Amino acid sequence: MRDQAGNVSGGTAAGGQDRVFRRAFIVITSLFFMWGFITVLNDILIPFLKKMFELTRYQSMFVQFAFFGAYFIGSLAYFIVSVVWGDPMSKIGYKNGLIAGLLLSAAACAGFYPAADMKVYGFFLGLLFILGLGFTLLQIAANPYVALLGKPETASSRLNLSQAWNSLGTTIAPIVGGYLVFHFFARIGTPLLDASGNQVLTDRGLPMTAMGVQLPYLAFAAVFILLAVVVGRTHLPQFISAEKIEKGIGALRYPHLVFGMVAIFVYVGAEVSIGSLFINFAQEVAGLAEITAKSFLAYYWGGLMIGRFLGAISLGDSGNSRSMYLKMAVSALAIYALISGIVLFESLQSGEPFRVASTLPYLGFMALQFLGFMAGKSRAARTMVVFSVIIIGLLVAATFGGGHVALWTVIAVGLFNSIMWSNVFTLAIRGLGQHTSQGSSLLVMMILGGAIVPLVQGWFADQMGGYQASFFIPIVCYAYLVFYGLRGHRVRAIA
């Protein structure tokens, strides 16, 4: 068995160890899929609650503030416990941490049923906060666990692969969630009424009902309980550090971790903010209704899936370059076809026409992403710099462009966001040894960016009369990522 410092501490045969690691990797990756699905469902929840409670752009972003603010509070509590009593995950084990996170998430999802009946915005925000706390435990345990399941030099590749399945969840969520909330369940139950006593309607004129959020979240609660049972019954290898578990703030002695914390803050903030405003932005610049806009949102989140699968190939054990690039090209086209097929199938079910031919600009951005991987030369930091520069260019175009130009440049950002989390995370925890879990909690704490940046951008969008002018906020975020990829990630410790 390997300890947290990456050393072999037991006598397990290499072949048997690989099988155990592979089985554990599959189980953990299923968790990445589920929390990706639920997280992006917030992008559907925002326009739903915005109509239900007649919220401003700024007020609607409190959905993300509550959800991602929980990451900060939960991780801060974890950090304080690790300082005073020693790292909790090293004591209770990753497996118990995962089960606790899943059960807490299930309880929060079940609470959506009474919240929708009571029609209290604050109740929804409280449940989203609890859901975020559950996901905090999952993130703290799962991310470093995946990094430890194999050779340290391929940690970025493994985390990119897990994040790719996370992105499958984020890709499906807008399509499935949008269909359930704005179409399928819009026909079930008593129509919602606004403050004036009028029916709350979708952009297509269908009545909205409480069932639109009640039934899906009950199903998610059941899935989380089932996953907790699966994790409990699955043998997961334990990683126990050979070094003494010390109290204190040892992880903060590493500047590359501190810079990485800021990098996680700005990256998550920018990614979440763009996804959160997308449906309303698409209506603003291109006149798209929610039921149509959520199909394009699937391409934004689908871009992360494409990039993460390609990142897993590019940043893994690279042998023949020609073979590697061929695998990347075939994988990218296959995933594009999968996304398009899912969107087309759902559009046929909902009766909302969608032409796959309208997504052809996306293929051009996929080609640009491929060139970006080539320029990155299979190096995590270099690839991050290249992708960040490209994103800045796309956001400038979205700010000053109009119509479908602005729409597609924003959608394309997802392709280049793909490898950011995995690369920043693995670069930031590199060389932390016994402080790996503590460092992980600090990085997860900075998911707080997903709470703050959307609020800031939403406020500027209100003040400036629209979303386009507010894109200078994420531009600043990606400029910092350029710095981290160039200099901030370099490993060093302060005595």
Protein backbone atom coordinates (compact mmCIF):
# COMPACT_ATOMS: atom_id res chain seq x y z
CA MET A 1 0.00 0.00 0.00
CA ARG A 2 1.23 3.50 -0.78
CA ASP A 3 1.17 6.18 1.86
CA GLN A 4 0.27 9.84 1.35
CA ALA A 5 3.83 10.72 0.55
CA GLY A 6 3.74 8.31 -2.34
CA ASN A 7 5.86 5.55 -0.76
CA VAL A 8 5.13 1.82 -0.70
CA SER A 9 4.24 0.82 2.88
CA GLY A 10 2.96 -2.72 2.43
CA GLY A 11 3.64 -5.94 0.63
CA THR A 12 0.73 -6.00 -1.80
CA ALA A 13 1.78 -7.38 -5.18
CA ALA A 14 1.92 -4.80 -7.94
CA GLY A 15 -0.71 -6.54 -10.09
CA GLY A 16 -3.13 -6.99 -7.20
CA GLN A 17 -2.55 -3.43 -6.06
CA ASP A 18 -3.35 -2.13 -9.55
CA ARG A 19 -6.64 -4.05 -9.57
CA VAL A 20 -7.61 -2.67 -6.16
CA PHE A 21 -6.68 0.85 -7.28
CA ARG A 22 -8.69 0.45 -10.49
CA ARG A 23 -11.79 -0.72 -8.63
CA ALA A 24 -11.50 2.14 -6.14
CA PHE A 25 -11.00 4.62 -8.99
CA ILE A 26 -14.25 3.49 -10.67
CA VAL A 27 -16.27 3.87 -7.46
CA ILE A 28 -14.86 7.33 -6.68
CA THR A 29 -15.36 8.50 -10.26
CA SER A 30 -19.10 7.72 -9.98
CA LEU A 31 -19.21 10.28 -7.16
CA PHE A 32 -17.57 12.87 -9.43
CA PHE A 33 -20.38 12.28 -11.93
CA MET A 34 -23.14 12.83 -9.37
CA TRP A 35 -21.82 15.98 -7.78
CA GLY A 36 -21.17 17.43 -11.23
CA PHE A 37 -24.78 16.74 -12.20
CA ILE A 38 -26.27 18.33 -9.07
CA THR A 39 -23.91 21.33 -9.12
CA VAL A 40 -24.84 22.35 -12.66
CA LEU A 41 -28.52 21.78 -11.95
CA ASN A 42 -28.18 25.09 -10.06
CA ASP A 43 -27.99 26.75 -13.49
CA ILE A 44 -31.53 25.46 -14.13
CA LEU A 45 -32.64 26.27 -10.59
CA ILE A 46 -31.59 29.93 -10.93
CA PRO A 47 -34.02 30.90 -13.74
CA PHE A 48 -36.72 28.75 -12.06
CA LEU A 49 -36.38 30.56 -8.72
CA LYS A 50 -35.87 33.91 -10.47
CA LYS A 51 -39.35 33.57 -11.96
CA MET A 52 -40.90 31.93 -8.89
CA PHE A 53 -39.78 34.68 -6.49
CA GLU A 54 -39.47 37.59 -9.03
CA LEU A 55 -35.77 38.11 -8.28
CA THR A 56 -33.28 40.54 -9.77
CA ARG A 57 -30.10 39.23 -11.45
CA TYR A 58 -28.19 39.96 -8.24
CA GLN A 59 -30.72 38.27 -5.96
CA SER A 60 -30.87 35.15 -8.12
CA MET A 61 -27.12 34.66 -7.71
CA PHE A 62 -27.63 33.99 -3.99
CA VAL A 63 -28.32 30.42 -5.14
CA GLN A 64 -24.62 30.08 -5.93
CA PHE A 65 -23.63 32.18 -2.92
CA ALA A 66 -25.38 29.76 -0.55
CA PHE A 67 -24.15 26.63 -2.33
CA PHE A 68 -20.53 27.59 -2.85
CA GLY A 69 -20.34 29.59 0.37
CA ALA A 70 -20.85 26.25 2.13
CA TYR A 71 -17.58 25.04 0.61
CA PHE A 72 -15.78 27.87 2.36
CA ILE A 73 -17.47 27.40 5.74
CA GLY A 74 -17.14 23.61 5.64
CA SER A 75 -13.51 23.67 4.55
CA LEU A 76 -12.66 26.38 7.08
CA ALA A 77 -14.14 24.20 9.84
CA TYR A 78 -12.13 21.24 8.54
CA PHE A 79 -8.96 23.34 8.50
CA ILE A 80 -9.50 24.57 12.07
CA VAL A 81 -10.03 21.01 13.28
CA SER A 82 -6.85 19.90 11.48
CA VAL A 83 -4.87 22.72 13.13
CA VAL A 84 -6.13 21.97 16.64
CA TRP A 85 -6.46 18.16 16.66
CA GLY A 86 -4.69 16.98 13.52
CA ASP A 87 -5.97 16.12 10.04
CA PRO A 88 -9.44 14.46 10.35
CA MET A 89 -9.27 12.56 7.05
CA SER A 90 -6.01 10.93 8.07
CA LYS A 91 -7.71 9.74 11.25
CA ILE A 92 -11.20 8.65 10.13
CA GLY A 93 -10.19 7.53 6.63
CA TYR A 94 -11.30 8.68 3.18
CA LYS A 95 -14.07 6.06 3.05
CA ASN A 96 -15.91 7.35 6.12
CA GLY A 97 -15.50 10.90 4.87
CA LEU A 98 -17.14 9.96 1.57
CA ILE A 99 -20.09 8.22 3.26
CA ALA A 100 -20.71 11.20 5.56
CA GLY A 101 -20.69 13.57 2.58
CA LEU A 102 -23.15 11.42 0.64
CA LEU A 103 -25.65 11.11 3.51
CA LEU A 104 -25.55 14.86 4.22
CA SER A 105 -26.16 15.57 0.52
CA ALA A 106 -29.11 13.15 0.49
CA ALA A 107 -30.72 14.92 3.45
CA ALA A 108 -30.41 18.30 1.72
CA CYS A 109 -31.97 17.05 -1.52
CA ALA A 110 -34.92 15.51 0.36
CA GLY A 111 -35.55 18.90 1.95
CA PHE A 112 -36.43 20.44 -1.43
CA TYR A 113 -39.89 18.85 -1.21
CA PRO A 114 -41.13 20.87 1.79
CA ALA A 115 -39.20 23.95 0.62
CA ALA A 116 -41.15 24.06 -2.64
CA ASP A 117 -44.44 23.60 -0.77
CA MET A 118 -43.63 26.43 1.65
CA LYS A 119 -42.41 28.72 -1.18
CA VAL A 120 -39.74 30.41 0.96
CA TYR A 121 -36.59 31.50 -0.90
CA GLY A 122 -34.52 31.41 2.29
CA PHE A 123 -35.46 27.76 2.85
CA PHE A 124 -34.08 26.87 -0.60
CA LEU A 125 -30.88 28.77 0.17
CA GLY A 126 -30.47 26.94 3.48
CA LEU A 127 -30.84 23.55 1.82
CA LEU A 128 -28.36 24.53 -0.88
CA PHE A 129 -25.92 25.47 1.90
CA ILE A 130 -26.32 22.03 3.51
CA LEU A 131 -25.92 20.36 0.10
CA GLY A 132 -22.71 22.34 -0.36
CA LEU A 133 -21.42 21.10 3.01
CA GLY A 134 -22.00 17.52 1.88
CA PHE A 135 -20.13 18.16 -1.35
CA THR A 136 -17.31 19.78 0.65
CA LEU A 137 -16.65 16.48 2.43
CA LEU A 138 -16.77 14.65 -0.91
CA GLN A 139 -14.31 17.06 -2.51
CA ILE A 140 -11.85 17.01 0.39
CA ALA A 141 -11.78 13.22 0.36
CA ALA A 142 -12.13 12.36 -3.32
CA ASN A 143 -9.69 14.74 -5.06
CA PRO A 144 -6.51 13.80 -3.17
CA TYR A 145 -7.67 10.16 -3.05
CA VAL A 146 -7.73 10.00 -6.85
CA ALA A 147 -4.32 11.69 -6.98
CA LEU A 148 -2.93 8.97 -4.67
CA LEU A 149 -4.31 6.02 -6.69
CA GLY A 150 -1.24 5.56 -8.86
CA LYS A 151 2.03 7.16 -9.85
CA PRO A 152 2.48 10.80 -8.71
CA GLU A 153 3.63 11.90 -12.18
CA THR A 154 0.29 10.84 -13.71
CA ALA A 155 -1.88 12.34 -10.96
CA SER A 156 -3.07 15.16 -13.25
CA SER A 157 -4.10 12.60 -15.85
CA ARG A 158 -6.16 10.59 -13.33
CA LEU A 159 -7.82 13.66 -11.91
CA ASN A 160 -8.60 14.89 -15.42
CA LEU A 161 -10.23 11.53 -16.18
CA SER A 162 -12.35 11.67 -13.00
CA GLN A 163 -13.24 15.27 -13.79
CA ALA A 164 -14.21 14.16 -17.31
CA TRP A 165 -16.90 11.94 -15.81
CA ASN A 166 -17.82 14.84 -13.56
CA SER A 167 -18.28 16.80 -16.77
CA LEU A 168 -20.53 14.11 -18.20
CA GLY A 169 -22.81 14.92 -15.28
CA THR A 170 -22.53 18.67 -15.91
CA THR A 171 -23.31 18.10 -19.60
CA ILE A 172 -26.40 15.97 -19.02
CA ALA A 173 -27.74 18.12 -16.17
CA PRO A 174 -28.87 21.14 -18.25
CA ILE A 175 -30.60 18.89 -20.79
CA VAL A 176 -32.29 16.50 -18.36
CA GLY A 177 -32.87 19.13 -15.68
CA GLY A 178 -34.21 21.71 -18.10
CA TYR A 179 -36.57 19.16 -19.65
CA LEU A 180 -37.89 18.01 -16.26
CA VAL A 181 -38.24 21.48 -14.72
CA PHE A 182 -39.50 23.50 -17.69
CA HIS A 183 -41.41 20.85 -19.65
CA PHE A 184 -42.18 17.43 -18.16
CA PHE A 185 -43.03 18.39 -14.57
CA ALA A 186 -44.47 21.75 -15.69
CA ARG A 187 -47.60 19.74 -16.51
CA ILE A 188 -47.91 18.11 -13.06
CA GLY A 189 -49.33 19.63 -9.90
CA THR A 190 -50.77 23.02 -9.04
CA PRO A 191 -49.35 25.96 -11.06
CA LEU A 192 -47.18 28.39 -9.11
CA LEU A 193 -48.50 31.92 -8.56
CA ASP A 194 -46.49 35.13 -8.29
CA ALA A 195 -47.05 37.91 -5.72
CA SER A 196 -49.86 39.32 -7.86
CA GLY A 197 -51.70 36.00 -8.02
CA ASN A 198 -50.78 35.33 -11.66
CA GLN A 199 -49.47 32.01 -12.92
CA VAL A 200 -45.68 31.74 -13.19
CA LEU A 201 -44.93 30.74 -16.79
CA THR A 202 -41.89 29.53 -18.69
CA ASP A 203 -40.70 31.55 -21.70
CA ARG A 204 -42.78 29.17 -23.83
CA GLY A 205 -45.93 29.95 -21.84
CA LEU A 206 -46.15 26.68 -19.90
CA PRO A 207 -47.18 26.88 -16.22
CA MET A 208 -44.44 26.15 -13.68
CA THR A 209 -45.18 23.90 -10.69
CA ALA A 210 -43.48 22.99 -7.42
CA MET A 211 -43.16 19.43 -8.72
CA GLY A 212 -40.53 20.74 -11.13
CA VAL A 213 -38.00 20.74 -8.30
CA GLN A 214 -39.62 18.39 -5.77
CA LEU A 215 -39.55 15.12 -7.69
CA PRO A 216 -36.07 15.45 -9.27
CA TYR A 217 -34.42 16.26 -5.94
CA LEU A 218 -36.18 13.39 -4.19
CA ALA A 219 -34.71 11.10 -6.84
CA PHE A 220 -31.25 12.57 -6.22
CA ALA A 221 -31.64 11.92 -2.48
CA ALA A 222 -32.32 8.27 -3.22
CA VAL A 223 -29.28 8.05 -5.52
CA PHE A 224 -26.98 9.55 -2.86
CA ILE A 225 -28.20 7.02 -0.28
CA LEU A 226 -27.59 4.20 -2.76
CA LEU A 227 -24.06 5.48 -3.45
CA ALA A 228 -23.36 5.64 0.30
CA VAL A 229 -24.33 1.96 0.54
CA VAL A 230 -22.10 1.09 -2.46
CA VAL A 231 -19.11 2.94 -0.98
CA GLY A 232 -19.71 1.28 2.38
CA ARG A 233 -19.71 -2.20 0.84
CA THR A 234 -16.72 -1.60 -1.47
CA HIS A 235 -13.16 -2.32 -0.39
CA LEU A 236 -11.24 0.94 -0.74
CA PRO A 237 -7.48 0.96 -0.04
CA GLN A 238 -6.43 3.04 2.95
CA PHE A 239 -3.66 5.59 2.59
CA ILE A 240 -1.91 6.16 5.89
CA SER A 241 1.05 8.49 6.01
CA ALA A 242 4.27 6.99 7.35
CA GLU A 243 5.03 10.43 8.78
CA LYS A 244 3.69 11.57 12.16
CA ILE A 245 0.37 13.44 11.82
CA GLU A 246 1.16 16.87 13.23
CA LYS A 247 -1.07 19.68 14.40
CA GLY A 248 -0.66 23.22 13.08
CA ILE A 249 -0.81 25.00 9.73
CA GLY A 250 2.05 23.20 8.02
CA ALA A 251 0.41 23.30 4.58
CA LEU A 252 0.54 27.11 4.52
CA ARG A 253 4.34 26.98 4.56
CA TYR A 254 4.19 26.20 0.84
CA PRO A 255 3.77 29.33 -1.32
CA HIS A 256 2.72 27.28 -4.36
CA LEU A 257 -0.25 26.02 -2.32
CA VAL A 258 -1.20 29.54 -1.22
CA PHE A 259 -1.02 30.82 -4.81
CA GLY A 260 -2.99 27.72 -5.81
CA MET A 261 -5.73 28.62 -3.34
CA VAL A 262 -6.22 31.95 -5.10
CA ALA A 263 -6.12 30.14 -8.46
CA ILE A 264 -8.93 27.80 -7.39
CA PHE A 265 -10.94 30.79 -6.11
CA VAL A 266 -10.77 32.72 -9.38
CA TYR A 267 -11.17 29.68 -11.63
CA VAL A 268 -14.24 28.25 -9.89
CA GLY A 269 -15.69 31.74 -9.57
CA ALA A 270 -15.33 32.46 -13.28
CA GLU A 271 -16.55 29.04 -14.42
CA VAL A 272 -19.62 29.07 -12.17
CA SER A 273 -20.47 32.68 -12.95
CA ILE A 274 -20.46 32.09 -16.71
CA GLY A 275 -22.56 28.94 -16.40
CA SER A 276 -24.99 30.58 -13.97
CA LEU A 277 -25.75 33.59 -16.16
CA PHE A 278 -25.72 31.70 -19.45
CA ILE A 279 -29.46 31.01 -19.86
CA ASN A 280 -30.39 34.61 -19.13
CA PHE A 281 -27.42 35.84 -21.20
CA ALA A 282 -28.54 33.73 -24.18
CA GLN A 283 -31.97 35.31 -23.98
CA GLU A 284 -30.40 38.76 -23.77
CA VAL A 285 -27.99 38.54 -26.73
CA ALA A 286 -29.70 35.97 -28.97
CA GLY A 287 -33.35 35.94 -27.87
CA LEU A 288 -33.32 32.24 -26.86
CA ALA A 289 -35.98 30.82 -24.54
CA GLU A 290 -34.93 28.76 -21.49
CA ILE A 291 -35.89 25.44 -23.10
CA THR A 292 -33.63 26.25 -26.09
CA ALA A 293 -30.84 27.97 -24.17
CA LYS A 294 -30.33 24.97 -21.87
CA SER A 295 -29.41 22.90 -24.96
CA PHE A 296 -26.62 25.34 -25.77
CA LEU A 297 -25.60 25.35 -22.10
CA ALA A 298 -24.99 21.61 -22.51
CA TYR A 299 -22.25 22.43 -25.02
CA TYR A 300 -20.63 24.82 -22.54
CA TRP A 301 -20.43 22.11 -19.87
CA GLY A 302 -19.80 19.45 -22.51
CA GLY A 303 -16.67 21.34 -23.48
CA LEU A 304 -15.26 20.53 -20.05
CA MET A 305 -15.93 16.84 -20.67
CA ILE A 306 -14.17 16.96 -24.04
CA GLY A 307 -11.16 18.77 -22.62
CA ARG A 308 -10.86 16.56 -19.56
CA PHE A 309 -10.86 13.34 -21.56
CA LEU A 310 -8.26 14.89 -23.87
CA GLY A 311 -6.32 16.12 -20.84
CA ALA A 312 -6.30 12.60 -19.38
CA ILE A 313 -4.76 11.37 -22.63
CA SER A 314 -2.36 14.29 -23.09
CA LEU A 315 -1.11 14.46 -19.48
CA GLY A 316 -0.89 10.70 -18.92
CA ASP A 317 1.83 8.30 -19.99
CA SER A 318 2.50 9.68 -23.47
CA GLY A 319 4.27 7.29 -25.79
CA ASN A 320 3.98 7.85 -29.52
CA SER A 321 2.89 11.47 -30.12
CA ARG A 322 1.09 10.62 -33.35
CA SER A 323 -0.92 7.90 -31.63
CA MET A 324 -1.72 10.22 -28.72
CA TYR A 325 -3.02 12.99 -31.00
CA LEU A 326 -5.09 10.47 -32.98
CA LYS A 327 -6.71 9.22 -29.76
CA MET A 328 -7.43 12.81 -28.75
CA ALA A 329 -9.03 13.70 -32.09
CA VAL A 330 -11.21 10.59 -32.17
CA SER A 331 -12.26 11.09 -28.53
CA ALA A 332 -13.17 14.74 -29.11
CA LEU A 333 -15.35 13.99 -32.14
CA ALA A 334 -17.01 11.04 -30.38
CA ILE A 335 -17.93 13.17 -27.37
CA TYR A 336 -19.20 15.98 -29.62
CA ALA A 337 -21.42 13.41 -31.36
CA LEU A 338 -22.61 12.13 -27.97
CA ILE A 339 -23.52 15.62 -26.74
CA SER A 340 -25.31 16.42 -30.00
CA GLY A 341 -27.18 13.12 -29.91
CA ILE A 342 -28.38 13.71 -26.34
CA VAL A 343 -29.48 17.27 -27.14
CA LEU A 344 -31.26 16.16 -30.32
CA PHE A 345 -33.04 13.28 -28.58
CA GLU A 346 -34.27 15.55 -25.79
CA SER A 347 -35.44 18.19 -28.29
CA LEU A 348 -37.53 15.56 -30.06
CA GLN A 349 -39.09 14.55 -26.73
CA SER A 350 -39.90 18.13 -25.75
CA GLY A 351 -41.06 19.18 -29.22
CA GLU A 352 -38.59 22.09 -29.19
CA PRO A 353 -36.74 22.09 -32.55
CA PHE A 354 -32.94 22.01 -32.41
CA ARG A 355 -30.65 21.89 -35.44
CA VAL A 356 -27.29 20.21 -34.86
CA ALA A 357 -26.03 22.13 -37.92
CA SER A 358 -26.31 25.29 -35.83
CA THR A 359 -23.46 23.97 -33.64
CA LEU A 360 -20.87 23.87 -36.44
CA PRO A 361 -18.96 26.87 -34.99
CA TYR A 362 -18.26 24.62 -32.01
CA LEU A 363 -16.15 22.33 -34.21
CA GLY A 364 -13.89 25.26 -35.04
CA PHE A 365 -13.35 25.96 -31.33
CA MET A 366 -12.66 22.26 -30.77
CA ALA A 367 -9.89 22.50 -33.38
CA LEU A 368 -8.49 25.51 -31.51
CA GLN A 369 -8.56 23.48 -28.29
CA PHE A 370 -6.64 20.68 -30.02
CA LEU A 371 -3.97 23.19 -31.09
CA GLY A 372 -3.88 24.44 -27.50
CA PHE A 373 -3.10 20.94 -26.24
CA MET A 374 -0.32 20.65 -28.80
CA ALA A 375 1.12 23.99 -27.65
CA GLY A 376 0.89 22.79 -24.03
CA LYS A 377 3.19 19.85 -24.82
CA SER A 378 1.64 17.57 -22.15
CA ARG A 379 2.75 19.87 -19.32
CA ALA A 380 0.11 20.83 -16.76
CA ALA A 381 1.32 24.39 -16.08
CA ARG A 382 2.09 25.24 -19.70
CA THR A 383 -1.29 23.95 -20.92
CA MET A 384 -3.03 26.04 -18.26
CA VAL A 385 -1.29 29.20 -19.47
CA VAL A 386 -2.18 28.54 -23.12
CA PHE A 387 -5.83 27.84 -22.31
CA SER A 388 -6.13 30.90 -20.03
CA VAL A 389 -4.83 33.22 -22.75
CA ILE A 390 -7.32 31.76 -25.24
CA ILE A 391 -10.21 32.20 -22.77
CA ILE A 392 -9.30 35.86 -22.26
CA GLY A 393 -9.51 36.34 -26.03
CA LEU A 394 -12.90 34.60 -26.16
CA LEU A 395 -14.32 36.75 -23.36
CA VAL A 396 -13.10 39.94 -25.03
CA ALA A 397 -14.92 38.81 -28.18
CA ALA A 398 -18.07 38.05 -26.13
CA THR A 399 -17.91 41.51 -24.55
CA PHE A 400 -17.71 43.44 -27.82
CA GLY A 401 -19.45 40.98 -30.17
CA GLY A 402 -23.16 40.54 -30.65
CA GLY A 403 -25.79 37.88 -31.27
CA HIS A 404 -24.49 34.41 -32.01
CA VAL A 405 -20.85 35.58 -32.03
CA ALA A 406 -21.12 36.50 -28.36
CA LEU A 407 -23.14 33.35 -27.68
CA TRP A 408 -20.60 30.94 -29.19
CA THR A 409 -17.50 32.60 -27.76
CA VAL A 410 -18.99 32.18 -24.28
CA ILE A 411 -19.94 28.55 -25.00
CA ALA A 412 -16.38 27.88 -26.20
CA VAL A 413 -14.96 28.97 -22.84
CA GLY A 414 -16.08 25.58 -21.49
CA LEU A 415 -13.65 23.78 -23.79
CA PHE A 416 -10.71 25.66 -22.30
CA ASN A 417 -11.94 25.59 -18.69
CA SER A 418 -11.68 21.82 -18.88
CA ILE A 419 -8.22 21.16 -17.45
CA MET A 420 -8.05 24.09 -15.01
CA TRP A 421 -9.31 22.42 -11.83
CA SER A 422 -7.28 19.24 -12.25
CA ASN A 423 -4.08 21.03 -13.19
CA VAL A 424 -4.28 23.68 -10.47
CA PHE A 425 -5.21 21.10 -7.82
CA THR A 426 -2.42 18.64 -8.60
CA LEU A 427 0.16 21.43 -8.98
CA ALA A 428 -0.91 22.95 -5.67
CA ILE A 429 -0.72 19.74 -3.56
CA ARG A 430 2.52 18.56 -5.15
CA GLY A 431 5.20 17.95 -2.52
CA LEU A 432 2.93 18.49 0.53
CA GLY A 433 3.48 15.00 1.96
CA GLN A 434 1.67 14.62 5.33
CA HIS A 435 -0.03 17.99 4.72
CA THR A 436 -1.84 16.75 1.59
CA SER A 437 -5.32 16.46 3.16
CA GLN A 438 -4.95 19.79 4.95
CA GLY A 439 -3.84 21.39 1.70
CA SER A 440 -6.79 19.77 -0.06
CA SER A 441 -9.20 21.27 2.49
CA LEU A 442 -7.70 24.71 1.89
CA LEU A 443 -8.10 24.35 -1.86
CA VAL A 444 -11.70 23.15 -1.50
CA MET A 445 -12.29 26.12 0.82
CA MET A 446 -11.48 28.41 -2.08
CA ILE A 447 -14.40 27.04 -4.06
CA LEU A 448 -15.83 30.07 -2.25
CA GLY A 449 -15.07 31.81 -5.54
CA GLY A 450 -18.20 30.15 -6.90
CA ALA A 451 -20.19 32.09 -4.29
CA ILE A 452 -18.49 35.48 -4.62
CA VAL A 453 -17.67 35.98 -8.30
CA PRO A 454 -21.23 35.30 -9.63
CA LEU A 455 -22.59 37.82 -7.10
CA VAL A 456 -20.04 40.41 -8.18
CA GLN A 457 -20.70 39.84 -11.88
CA GLY A 458 -24.47 39.83 -11.29
CA TRP A 459 -24.22 43.17 -9.47
CA PHE A 460 -22.18 44.72 -12.29
CA ALA A 461 -24.62 43.30 -14.86
CA ASP A 462 -27.48 45.05 -13.05
CA GLN A 463 -25.54 48.32 -12.83
CA MET A 464 -24.36 48.22 -16.46
CA GLY A 465 -27.71 47.17 -17.93
CA GLY A 466 -26.72 43.73 -19.20
CA TYR A 467 -24.36 40.78 -18.91
CA GLN A 468 -21.95 41.56 -21.74
CA ALA A 469 -20.22 44.52 -20.13
CA SER A 470 -19.73 42.50 -16.92
CA PHE A 471 -17.39 39.97 -18.54
CA PHE A 472 -14.37 42.00 -17.44
CA ILE A 473 -14.76 40.21 -14.07
CA PRO A 474 -13.89 36.70 -15.35
CA ILE A 475 -11.19 38.22 -17.60
CA VAL A 476 -9.37 39.37 -14.46
CA CYS A 477 -9.76 35.85 -13.02
CA TYR A 478 -8.12 34.18 -16.01
CA ALA A 479 -5.30 36.73 -16.03
CA TYR A 480 -4.35 35.44 -12.57
CA LEU A 481 -4.34 31.86 -13.88
CA VAL A 482 -1.76 32.95 -16.46
CA PHE A 483 0.45 34.09 -13.56
CA TYR A 484 -0.05 30.82 -11.64
CA GLY A 485 0.87 28.72 -14.66
CA LEU A 486 3.99 30.79 -15.35
CA ARG A 487 5.40 31.31 -11.85
CA GLY A 488 3.01 30.70 -8.95
CA HIS A 489 3.00 26.88 -9.18
CA ARG A 490 6.72 26.40 -8.54
CA VAL A 491 7.24 24.12 -5.54
CA ARG A 492 9.06 25.55 -2.57
CA ALA A 493 8.59 25.62 1.19
CA ILE A 494 9.23 28.32 3.78
CA ALA A 495 10.92 26.95 6.91
